[in-house]
Amino acid sequence: MLISRSRLWLPMAASSLAVLLISVTVISLKGRNAPQQPTIQDVFTGEMHEFSADLGQLPKIVPPTNYVATPPENHGPQYRTVDWLKAQGSLAWTLQIISSEDEEVVKSYIAQRDDKEQFAYFMYKEGEKVSYIAVYGNFVTMELALGVANSIDFALPNGVRPSPEKFATYVPNVPMIQPAIDQPPPPKYGGVPEIAIEPQPDDMAEPNQNQLETPADSSSSSTEPEVSTPVVDPF
């Protein structure tokens, strides 16, 4: 019985050793064929100048873009971006007050409110349609938002009432990065008027030296005939 067991252990040990050797060989071959990426030490010691373009597959995660941020002077002070919407919380509620394709309408409405610090508005893009939405407040529950909607007069036309919405519902339709708006600057940034420069005393023309001569100077410079006095000898 013991002899038969010893005979079975020998081929099992041999097969296990063979599997281990094959695994080590495969791993070593894959390591040799894998592309070598520079390390931080290589970069700072100057042996390699930069990382490869596909290090960490960053171009696939964050594709390159040629957009630039929208100049802030083209929007009102209550304008917000998608980052602000995300910062309000995924479970937070707000009141949607108005929505208009004309940004000036939204800006004018907020400007005439006494509680304008509670308002915010943002660009909302759905397909090719672009509109601007103004919201009010940040609430933990929908019930709190409805309570505020019933207690505050938002002076909306035609009996329009605010509606509660989650901030998270707006995020997919708010542009992450907006292209620059090619518009002239606002009037307050218009051209600077030219200021007339007054002539300085040093810039005035010097008077002619001939004109500075006075009659006294001319008389002193003129030559008079000398009168000779006879000398009388007393002896």
Protein backbone atom coordinates (compact mmCIF):
# COMPACT_ATOMS: atom_id res chain seq x y z
CA MET A 1 0.00 0.00 0.00
CA LEU A 2 2.79 2.42 0.90
CA ILE A 3 4.68 1.48 -2.24
CA SER A 4 1.70 2.32 -4.47
CA ARG A 5 1.24 5.72 -2.77
CA SER A 6 4.91 6.59 -3.24
CA ARG A 7 4.64 5.74 -6.91
CA LEU A 8 1.67 8.17 -7.33
CA TRP A 9 3.42 11.10 -5.60
CA LEU A 10 6.36 10.99 -7.99
CA PRO A 11 4.45 11.73 -11.24
CA MET A 12 2.30 14.37 -9.45
CA ALA A 13 5.36 16.21 -8.22
CA ALA A 14 6.93 16.03 -11.67
CA SER A 15 3.80 17.46 -13.34
CA SER A 16 3.56 20.27 -10.79
CA LEU A 17 7.17 21.18 -11.38
CA ALA A 18 6.60 21.20 -15.12
CA VAL A 19 3.60 23.52 -14.80
CA LEU A 20 5.62 25.88 -12.58
CA LEU A 21 8.49 26.01 -15.08
CA ILE A 22 6.11 26.69 -17.98
CA SER A 23 4.43 29.54 -16.06
CA VAL A 24 7.74 31.18 -15.20
CA THR A 25 8.85 30.93 -18.83
CA VAL A 26 5.65 32.51 -20.16
CA ILE A 27 5.83 35.41 -17.67
CA SER A 28 9.44 36.12 -18.53
CA LEU A 29 8.70 36.15 -22.26
CA LYS A 30 5.80 38.58 -21.78
CA GLY A 31 8.00 40.86 -19.68
CA ARG A 32 10.63 40.99 -22.41
CA ASN A 33 8.12 41.86 -25.12
CA ALA A 34 6.31 44.55 -23.05
CA PRO A 35 7.19 48.18 -24.00
CA GLN A 36 9.48 49.84 -21.52
CA GLN A 37 8.09 53.02 -19.97
CA PRO A 38 10.40 55.59 -18.42
CA THR A 39 10.32 55.98 -14.67
CA ILE A 40 10.29 59.18 -12.67
CA GLN A 41 13.95 58.66 -11.83
CA ASP A 42 14.85 58.35 -15.52
CA VAL A 43 13.08 61.59 -16.34
CA PHE A 44 14.67 63.64 -13.58
CA THR A 45 18.15 62.24 -14.08
CA GLY A 46 18.04 63.18 -17.75
CA GLU A 47 18.40 59.68 -19.20
CA MET A 48 15.00 60.08 -20.88
CA HIS A 49 13.53 63.49 -21.66
CA GLU A 50 9.80 62.78 -21.56
CA PHE A 51 7.18 60.11 -21.10
CA SER A 52 5.71 58.33 -24.07
CA ALA A 53 2.51 59.73 -25.59
CA ASP A 54 0.37 56.77 -24.54
CA LEU A 55 1.57 56.53 -20.93
CA GLY A 56 -1.44 55.54 -18.86
CA GLN A 57 -3.65 55.70 -21.98
CA LEU A 58 -4.41 59.34 -21.11
CA PRO A 59 -5.25 60.40 -24.70
CA LYS A 60 -8.01 57.77 -24.80
CA ILE A 61 -9.50 58.91 -21.49
CA VAL A 62 -9.24 62.68 -22.10
CA PRO A 63 -9.35 63.42 -25.84
CA PRO A 64 -7.62 66.62 -26.99
CA THR A 65 -9.80 69.65 -27.62
CA ASN A 66 -9.30 72.99 -29.34
CA TYR A 67 -11.99 74.82 -27.37
CA VAL A 68 -11.23 77.72 -25.07
CA ALA A 69 -13.21 79.03 -22.15
CA THR A 70 -15.92 81.61 -22.75
CA PRO A 71 -14.86 85.12 -21.69
CA PRO A 72 -16.70 85.87 -18.42
CA GLU A 73 -17.63 89.41 -19.47
CA ASN A 74 -20.11 87.95 -21.98
CA HIS A 75 -22.27 86.61 -19.12
CA GLY A 76 -23.93 88.06 -16.06
CA PRO A 77 -22.58 87.76 -12.49
CA GLN A 78 -25.00 84.90 -11.69
CA TYR A 79 -23.78 82.74 -14.59
CA ARG A 80 -22.59 79.27 -13.52
CA THR A 81 -20.88 76.33 -15.23
CA VAL A 82 -21.38 72.58 -15.00
CA ASP A 83 -18.76 72.38 -12.22
CA TRP A 84 -20.98 74.55 -10.02
CA LEU A 85 -23.98 72.31 -10.72
CA LYS A 86 -22.02 69.21 -9.73
CA ALA A 87 -20.82 70.89 -6.53
CA GLN A 88 -24.42 71.40 -5.35
CA GLY A 89 -24.78 67.66 -4.68
CA SER A 90 -26.35 64.79 -6.58
CA LEU A 91 -29.39 64.68 -4.26
CA ALA A 92 -29.95 68.44 -3.90
CA TRP A 93 -33.07 70.14 -5.27
CA THR A 94 -33.63 73.60 -6.69
CA LEU A 95 -36.47 75.66 -8.16
CA GLN A 96 -36.45 76.28 -11.89
CA ILE A 97 -37.79 79.81 -12.31
CA ILE A 98 -37.56 80.71 -16.00
CA SER A 99 -36.05 79.38 -19.22
CA SER A 100 -35.37 81.51 -22.28
CA GLU A 101 -33.35 81.33 -25.49
CA ASP A 102 -32.35 84.96 -24.94
CA GLU A 103 -29.75 85.32 -22.21
CA GLU A 104 -30.57 89.01 -21.78
CA VAL A 105 -34.11 88.10 -20.66
CA VAL A 106 -32.74 85.91 -17.87
CA LYS A 107 -30.16 88.50 -16.84
CA SER A 108 -32.75 91.28 -16.74
CA TYR A 109 -35.12 89.21 -14.60
CA ILE A 110 -32.44 88.38 -12.03
CA ALA A 111 -31.13 91.96 -11.98
CA GLN A 112 -34.47 93.37 -10.84
CA ARG A 113 -34.80 90.89 -7.94
CA ASP A 114 -33.95 91.96 -4.40
CA ASP A 115 -32.83 88.40 -3.58
CA LYS A 116 -30.61 88.04 -6.66
CA GLU A 117 -27.86 86.40 -4.59
CA GLN A 118 -30.09 83.31 -4.31
CA PHE A 119 -30.34 82.99 -8.10
CA ALA A 120 -28.07 81.33 -10.62
CA TYR A 121 -28.39 80.65 -14.33
CA PHE A 122 -26.57 78.45 -16.81
CA MET A 123 -26.53 77.43 -20.45
CA TYR A 124 -28.66 74.39 -21.30
CA LYS A 125 -28.05 72.70 -24.65
CA GLU A 126 -30.39 70.02 -25.98
CA GLY A 127 -29.44 69.00 -29.51
CA GLU A 128 -29.05 72.19 -31.53
CA LYS A 129 -31.31 74.20 -29.22
CA VAL A 130 -29.56 76.40 -26.66
CA SER A 131 -31.43 78.07 -23.80
CA TYR A 132 -30.63 79.68 -20.47
CA ILE A 133 -32.24 78.46 -17.25
CA ALA A 134 -32.50 80.45 -14.02
CA VAL A 135 -32.78 78.51 -10.75
CA TYR A 136 -33.36 79.56 -7.15
CA GLY A 137 -31.87 78.09 -3.97
CA ASN A 138 -30.54 74.71 -2.87
CA PHE A 139 -32.88 72.40 -0.94
CA VAL A 140 -32.44 69.04 0.73
CA THR A 141 -35.85 67.69 -0.29
CA MET A 142 -38.48 68.40 -2.92
CA GLU A 143 -40.98 69.28 -0.18
CA LEU A 144 -38.79 72.15 1.03
CA ALA A 145 -38.47 73.46 -2.51
CA LEU A 146 -42.26 73.36 -2.96
CA GLY A 147 -42.75 75.20 0.32
CA VAL A 148 -40.51 78.04 -0.82
CA ALA A 149 -42.25 78.14 -4.21
CA ASN A 150 -45.60 78.67 -2.46
CA SER A 151 -44.32 81.31 -0.04
CA ILE A 152 -42.32 83.61 -2.36
CA ASP A 153 -43.73 85.79 -5.11
CA PHE A 154 -41.41 85.36 -8.11
CA ALA A 155 -43.47 87.75 -10.27
CA LEU A 156 -43.67 85.32 -13.18
CA PRO A 157 -45.96 86.21 -16.11
CA ASN A 158 -49.13 84.37 -17.17
CA GLY A 159 -49.44 82.46 -13.93
CA VAL A 160 -46.20 80.51 -14.44
CA ARG A 161 -45.09 78.72 -11.27
CA PRO A 162 -41.59 77.54 -10.30
CA SER A 163 -40.99 73.80 -10.57
CA PRO A 164 -38.65 71.73 -8.37
CA GLU A 165 -35.80 69.97 -10.15
CA LYS A 166 -32.68 68.11 -9.10
CA PHE A 167 -29.37 69.73 -9.98
CA ALA A 168 -28.19 66.38 -11.35
CA THR A 169 -30.86 66.42 -14.07
CA TYR A 170 -29.27 69.47 -15.71
CA VAL A 171 -25.67 68.22 -15.73
CA PRO A 172 -25.76 66.05 -18.92
CA ASN A 173 -27.06 68.98 -21.00
CA VAL A 174 -24.75 71.71 -19.71
CA PRO A 175 -21.64 72.12 -21.91
CA MET A 176 -18.42 71.15 -20.17
CA ILE A 177 -16.31 73.64 -22.16
CA GLN A 178 -17.77 76.39 -24.30
CA PRO A 179 -16.19 77.83 -27.45
CA ALA A 180 -15.10 81.45 -27.32
CA ILE A 181 -17.79 83.95 -28.31
CA ASP A 182 -16.64 86.25 -31.09
CA GLN A 183 -18.33 89.45 -29.99
CA PRO A 184 -17.16 93.03 -29.51
CA PRO A 185 -16.37 94.04 -25.93
CA PRO A 186 -19.12 95.56 -23.79
CA PRO A 187 -19.51 99.36 -23.79
CA LYS A 188 -17.66 99.71 -20.50
CA TYR A 189 -14.60 98.20 -22.16
CA GLY A 190 -14.86 100.47 -25.22
CA GLY A 191 -12.10 102.55 -26.73
CA VAL A 192 -10.23 104.98 -24.53
CA PRO A 193 -10.84 108.62 -25.61
CA GLU A 194 -7.83 110.55 -26.74
CA ILE A 195 -6.77 113.34 -24.38
CA ALA A 196 -5.38 116.53 -25.86
CA ILE A 197 -1.83 117.18 -24.72
CA GLU A 198 -1.20 120.79 -23.62
CA PRO A 199 2.09 122.29 -24.72
CA GLN A 200 4.68 122.47 -22.00
CA PRO A 201 6.67 125.64 -21.24
CA ASP A 202 9.83 123.96 -22.48
CA ASP A 203 8.17 123.23 -25.81
CA MET A 204 7.35 126.89 -26.53
CA ALA A 205 9.46 128.57 -29.18
CA GLU A 206 12.32 130.72 -27.84
CA PRO A 207 12.02 134.41 -28.77
CA ASN A 208 14.47 135.91 -31.24
CA GLN A 209 17.52 137.40 -29.62
CA ASN A 210 17.19 140.48 -31.80
CA GLN A 211 13.71 141.03 -30.39
CA LEU A 212 15.02 140.92 -26.84
CA GLU A 213 17.18 144.02 -27.36
CA THR A 214 15.81 147.08 -25.64
CA PRO A 215 16.34 150.70 -26.65
CA ALA A 216 18.68 151.10 -23.70
CA ASP A 217 20.76 148.20 -24.96
CA SER A 218 20.88 149.67 -28.43
CA SER A 219 21.91 153.07 -27.16
CA SER A 220 24.63 151.58 -25.06
CA SER A 221 25.94 149.64 -27.97
CA SER A 222 26.04 152.73 -30.30
CA THR A 223 29.39 154.64 -30.61
CA GLU A 224 29.53 158.41 -29.72
CA PRO A 225 32.35 160.79 -30.94
CA GLU A 226 34.82 161.69 -28.19
CA VAL A 227 35.37 165.47 -27.47
CA SER A 228 39.06 166.43 -26.92
CA THR A 229 39.78 168.97 -24.13
CA PRO A 230 42.76 171.33 -24.77
CA VAL A 231 45.55 171.20 -22.20
CA VAL A 232 46.64 174.68 -20.90
CA ASP A 233 50.21 175.11 -19.61
CA PRO A 234 50.10 177.51 -16.59
CA PHE A 235 53.74 178.41 -16.99
